[in-house]
Amino acid sequence: MQESLQKFNYEVFVSKTILDDILRMSVQESIRFFQLVILSESLSNKEVEMIVPQLKEKRVFVFREYLNEPIDNEKNSIKDLAIDKWIPKDIGMDLLRELISDCAGIARKETEKKHADNYDYDRIFLDFTKNQQKFFQKLYDAHASIVSREELCKYIWNKEPSNSNLAQLSVLSKDLRRKLINEGFSEDVLETVWGKGYYLKNEFYDLCRRPDKKYSDYPTESNTECQII
């Protein structure tokens, strides 16, 4: 299947490592770059029941392979998991291509709607205090990369880090996170990396873009890519 999908110009990534991470309830942020995950027929239903909810949290389409046509009872037992398609192991590549194409079309429409409902950047930004604005602006301009505490101290106060400034950074980050959560963003939209610094997750750029920037200047949804586990 991997070679056939690659012939159709789909990016395919086969991984057991990501499967193990998901089973340990530590799904990787990188999974969001895949629009489709195909679950192998070798996975047990119990494993599928653990995997699918985490994938759905990342808004990933899920196909489940099977060797023999599942009986209705089997499908019903995991119907609440919202598996998008059940596909036979020997599915024709033409049919699989069309199924993937349908999912890609749905994903594009959802992305367009999501960006049509963008948050108001200016309104959010103006709700911040002066130092919160400086903190946030530095993170925003880093485009989801970690900004060190040293950089933030120099940018906000024009000083080298001190115990007092580092404590203030912690307070600023907590206050910013609280305000973003109140705006409807997830609890981890602003992340702290212990001992290193802070960063804004891609979720923010997906939902809220500064008006003086073009859409193409920021991270966007990837093209159709497939993950097989």
Protein backbone atom coordinates (compact mmCIF):
# COMPACT_ATOMS: atom_id res chain seq x y z
CA MET A 1 0.00 0.00 0.00
CA GLN A 2 2.81 2.41 0.85
CA GLU A 3 4.37 2.20 -2.63
CA SER A 4 1.00 2.52 -4.33
CA LEU A 5 0.12 5.64 -2.35
CA GLN A 6 3.48 7.17 -3.17
CA LYS A 7 2.79 6.62 -6.87
CA PHE A 8 -0.24 8.88 -6.43
CA ASN A 9 2.11 11.56 -4.99
CA TYR A 10 0.91 11.16 -1.42
CA GLU A 11 3.48 11.61 1.33
CA VAL A 12 3.45 8.36 3.31
CA PHE A 13 5.01 7.75 6.71
CA VAL A 14 4.95 4.30 8.31
CA SER A 15 5.68 4.24 12.02
CA LYS A 16 5.35 1.95 15.02
CA THR A 17 7.03 4.52 17.27
CA ILE A 18 4.08 6.90 16.99
CA LEU A 19 1.74 3.99 17.72
CA ASP A 20 3.67 3.21 20.90
CA ASP A 21 3.52 6.88 21.91
CA ILE A 22 -0.24 6.98 21.39
CA LEU A 23 -0.72 3.80 23.41
CA ARG A 24 1.23 5.51 26.22
CA MET A 25 -1.23 8.42 25.90
CA SER A 26 1.51 10.75 24.62
CA VAL A 27 0.42 11.43 21.05
CA GLN A 28 3.00 13.56 19.26
CA GLU A 29 2.21 17.07 18.07
CA SER A 30 3.65 16.03 14.67
CA ILE A 31 0.58 13.85 14.05
CA ARG A 32 -1.36 17.04 13.24
CA PHE A 33 0.58 17.31 9.98
CA PHE A 34 -1.11 14.16 8.70
CA GLN A 35 -4.65 14.47 7.41
CA LEU A 36 -5.16 10.70 7.33
CA VAL A 37 -4.08 7.78 9.48
CA ILE A 38 -4.60 4.21 8.24
CA LEU A 39 -4.76 1.71 11.08
CA SER A 40 -3.34 -1.67 10.15
CA GLU A 41 -5.43 -4.83 10.35
CA SER A 42 -2.80 -6.20 12.76
CA LEU A 43 -4.01 -3.84 15.50
CA SER A 44 -6.48 -5.28 17.97
CA ASN A 45 -9.83 -3.61 18.58
CA LYS A 46 -8.64 -2.74 22.08
CA GLU A 47 -5.66 -0.88 20.64
CA VAL A 48 -7.92 0.86 18.13
CA GLU A 49 -10.20 1.99 20.96
CA MET A 50 -7.19 3.59 22.65
CA ILE A 51 -5.78 5.17 19.51
CA VAL A 52 -8.73 6.69 17.68
CA PRO A 53 -9.90 9.19 20.34
CA GLN A 54 -6.42 10.72 20.49
CA LEU A 55 -6.26 10.99 16.70
CA LYS A 56 -9.68 12.59 16.58
CA GLU A 57 -8.53 15.23 19.06
CA LYS A 58 -6.02 16.24 16.36
CA ARG A 59 -8.80 16.28 13.72
CA VAL A 60 -7.26 13.43 11.75
CA PHE A 61 -9.24 11.19 9.38
CA VAL A 62 -9.00 7.53 10.37
CA PHE A 63 -9.26 4.48 8.08
CA ARG A 64 -9.28 0.98 9.56
CA GLU A 65 -7.94 -1.92 7.49
CA TYR A 66 -9.41 -5.41 7.77
CA LEU A 67 -8.64 -8.83 6.30
CA ASN A 68 -12.17 -10.20 6.58
CA GLU A 69 -15.37 -8.15 6.47
CA PRO A 70 -16.10 -7.18 10.10
CA ILE A 71 -19.42 -8.39 11.41
CA ASP A 72 -21.99 -5.76 12.38
CA ASN A 73 -21.45 -6.45 16.08
CA GLU A 74 -17.77 -5.63 15.73
CA LYS A 75 -18.47 -2.37 13.93
CA ASN A 76 -21.15 -1.45 16.42
CA SER A 77 -18.84 -2.10 19.35
CA ILE A 78 -16.51 0.68 18.22
CA LYS A 79 -18.89 2.83 16.18
CA ASP A 80 -18.68 5.64 18.73
CA LEU A 81 -15.00 6.04 17.87
CA ALA A 82 -15.99 7.71 14.59
CA ILE A 83 -13.76 5.69 12.28
CA ASP A 84 -14.22 7.39 8.93
CA LYS A 85 -13.82 4.36 6.64
CA TRP A 86 -13.40 0.61 6.95
CA ILE A 87 -11.22 -0.59 4.09
CA PRO A 88 -10.24 -4.13 3.03
CA LYS A 89 -6.55 -5.01 3.04
CA ASP A 90 -6.72 -5.70 -0.70
CA ILE A 91 -8.61 -2.51 -1.58
CA GLY A 92 -8.09 -1.32 -5.13
CA MET A 93 -5.79 1.66 -5.31
CA ASP A 94 -8.21 3.59 -7.53
CA LEU A 95 -10.90 3.32 -4.86
CA LEU A 96 -8.49 4.18 -2.05
CA ARG A 97 -7.30 7.23 -3.99
CA GLU A 98 -10.88 8.48 -4.32
CA LEU A 99 -11.61 7.90 -0.62
CA ILE A 100 -8.51 9.88 0.33
CA SER A 101 -9.44 12.60 -2.15
CA ASP A 102 -12.88 12.89 -0.52
CA CYS A 103 -11.27 13.31 2.90
CA ALA A 104 -8.86 15.93 1.56
CA GLY A 105 -11.82 17.88 0.19
CA ILE A 106 -13.59 17.80 3.56
CA ALA A 107 -10.38 18.88 5.31
CA ARG A 108 -9.98 21.85 2.96
CA LYS A 109 -13.55 22.99 3.63
CA GLU A 110 -13.02 22.71 7.39
CA THR A 111 -9.78 24.70 7.12
CA GLU A 112 -11.45 27.40 5.03
CA LYS A 113 -14.27 27.66 7.58
CA LYS A 114 -11.80 27.76 10.44
CA HIS A 115 -9.90 30.64 8.88
CA ALA A 116 -13.13 32.42 7.98
CA ASP A 117 -13.95 32.42 11.69
CA ASN A 118 -10.56 33.78 12.75
CA TYR A 119 -10.19 35.39 16.13
CA ASP A 120 -9.73 39.16 16.22
CA TYR A 121 -5.99 39.58 16.81
CA ASP A 122 -6.16 43.30 17.59
CA ARG A 123 -8.94 42.86 20.14
CA ILE A 124 -7.05 40.07 21.90
CA PHE A 125 -3.74 41.96 21.83
CA LEU A 126 -5.23 45.21 23.17
CA ASP A 127 -6.58 43.33 26.18
CA PHE A 128 -3.00 42.65 27.33
CA THR A 129 -1.00 44.88 29.66
CA LYS A 130 2.11 46.60 28.28
CA ASN A 131 4.51 43.89 29.47
CA GLN A 132 2.10 41.14 28.43
CA GLN A 133 2.05 42.66 24.94
CA LYS A 134 5.85 42.61 24.77
CA PHE A 135 5.97 39.02 26.01
CA PHE A 136 3.29 37.90 23.59
CA GLN A 137 4.74 39.80 20.61
CA LYS A 138 8.13 38.14 21.09
CA LEU A 139 6.52 34.70 21.12
CA TYR A 140 4.28 35.49 18.16
CA ASP A 141 7.20 36.64 16.01
CA ALA A 142 9.04 33.38 16.76
CA HIS A 143 6.37 31.39 14.83
CA ALA A 144 6.02 28.43 17.23
CA SER A 145 9.76 28.30 18.07
CA ILE A 146 10.97 28.46 21.67
CA VAL A 147 11.93 31.93 22.92
CA SER A 148 14.47 31.76 25.74
CA ARG A 149 13.95 33.46 29.06
CA GLU A 150 17.10 35.49 28.43
CA GLU A 151 15.67 36.88 25.18
CA LEU A 152 12.41 37.77 26.87
CA CYS A 153 14.09 39.58 29.76
CA LYS A 154 16.18 41.67 27.37
CA TYR A 155 13.18 42.42 25.17
CA ILE A 156 10.76 43.32 27.95
CA TRP A 157 13.03 45.06 30.47
CA ASN A 158 16.28 45.53 28.54
CA LYS A 159 18.06 43.67 31.33
CA GLU A 160 19.91 40.42 31.87
CA PRO A 161 17.84 37.73 33.62
CA SER A 162 17.53 37.95 37.40
CA ASN A 163 15.54 35.92 39.88
CA SER A 164 13.03 38.76 40.05
CA ASN A 165 12.63 39.01 36.26
CA LEU A 166 12.35 35.25 35.84
CA ALA A 167 9.60 35.18 38.46
CA GLN A 168 7.82 37.99 36.60
CA LEU A 169 8.07 36.00 33.36
CA SER A 170 6.32 33.11 35.05
CA VAL A 171 3.51 35.41 36.18
CA LEU A 172 3.22 36.99 32.72
CA SER A 173 3.00 33.59 31.03
CA LYS A 174 0.29 32.40 33.42
CA ASP A 175 -1.75 35.58 32.96
CA LEU A 176 -1.42 35.41 29.16
CA ARG A 177 -2.38 31.75 29.13
CA ARG A 178 -5.44 32.48 31.25
CA LYS A 179 -6.55 35.29 28.92
CA LEU A 180 -6.07 33.10 25.83
CA ILE A 181 -8.06 30.28 27.43
CA ASN A 182 -10.83 32.77 28.18
CA GLU A 183 -10.83 33.64 24.46
CA GLY A 184 -11.48 30.00 23.62
CA PHE A 185 -7.98 28.67 22.93
CA SER A 186 -6.83 25.35 24.40
CA GLU A 187 -5.09 25.22 27.78
CA ASP A 188 -1.71 24.46 26.20
CA VAL A 189 -1.75 27.14 23.46
CA LEU A 190 1.11 28.88 25.29
CA GLU A 191 3.65 26.30 26.40
CA THR A 192 6.42 26.50 28.98
CA VAL A 193 9.56 24.47 28.28
CA TRP A 194 11.18 24.01 31.65
CA GLY A 195 14.60 25.65 31.86
CA LYS A 196 14.46 26.86 28.25
CA GLY A 197 11.64 29.28 27.60
CA TYR A 198 8.19 29.64 26.09
CA TYR A 199 6.44 29.27 22.74
CA LEU A 200 3.06 29.67 21.08
CA LYS A 201 1.65 26.49 19.56
CA ASN A 202 0.65 26.36 15.90
CA GLU A 203 -2.98 26.35 17.02
CA PHE A 204 -2.77 30.10 17.58
CA TYR A 205 -1.48 30.80 14.06
CA ASP A 206 -4.16 28.53 12.64
CA LEU A 207 -6.92 30.52 14.31
CA CYS A 208 -5.63 34.05 14.69
CA ARG A 209 -3.34 36.00 12.37
CA ARG A 210 -1.98 39.49 12.73
CA PRO A 211 -3.68 41.75 10.15
CA ASP A 212 -0.44 43.27 8.84
CA LYS A 213 0.78 39.84 7.68
CA LYS A 214 -0.23 37.81 4.67
CA TYR A 215 -1.73 34.37 5.19
CA SER A 216 1.25 32.83 3.36
CA ASP A 217 3.69 34.29 5.90
CA TYR A 218 2.61 31.87 8.60
CA PRO A 219 2.43 28.09 9.14
CA THR A 220 -0.48 26.57 7.21
CA GLU A 221 -2.14 23.20 6.97
CA SER A 222 -0.07 20.62 5.13
CA ASN A 223 -0.99 18.95 1.87
CA THR A 224 -2.60 15.53 2.03
CA GLU A 225 -0.23 13.20 3.84
CA CYS A 226 -0.85 9.68 5.08
CA GLN A 227 0.34 7.98 8.23
CA ILE A 228 0.16 4.19 8.38
CA ILE A 229 0.47 2.54 11.79
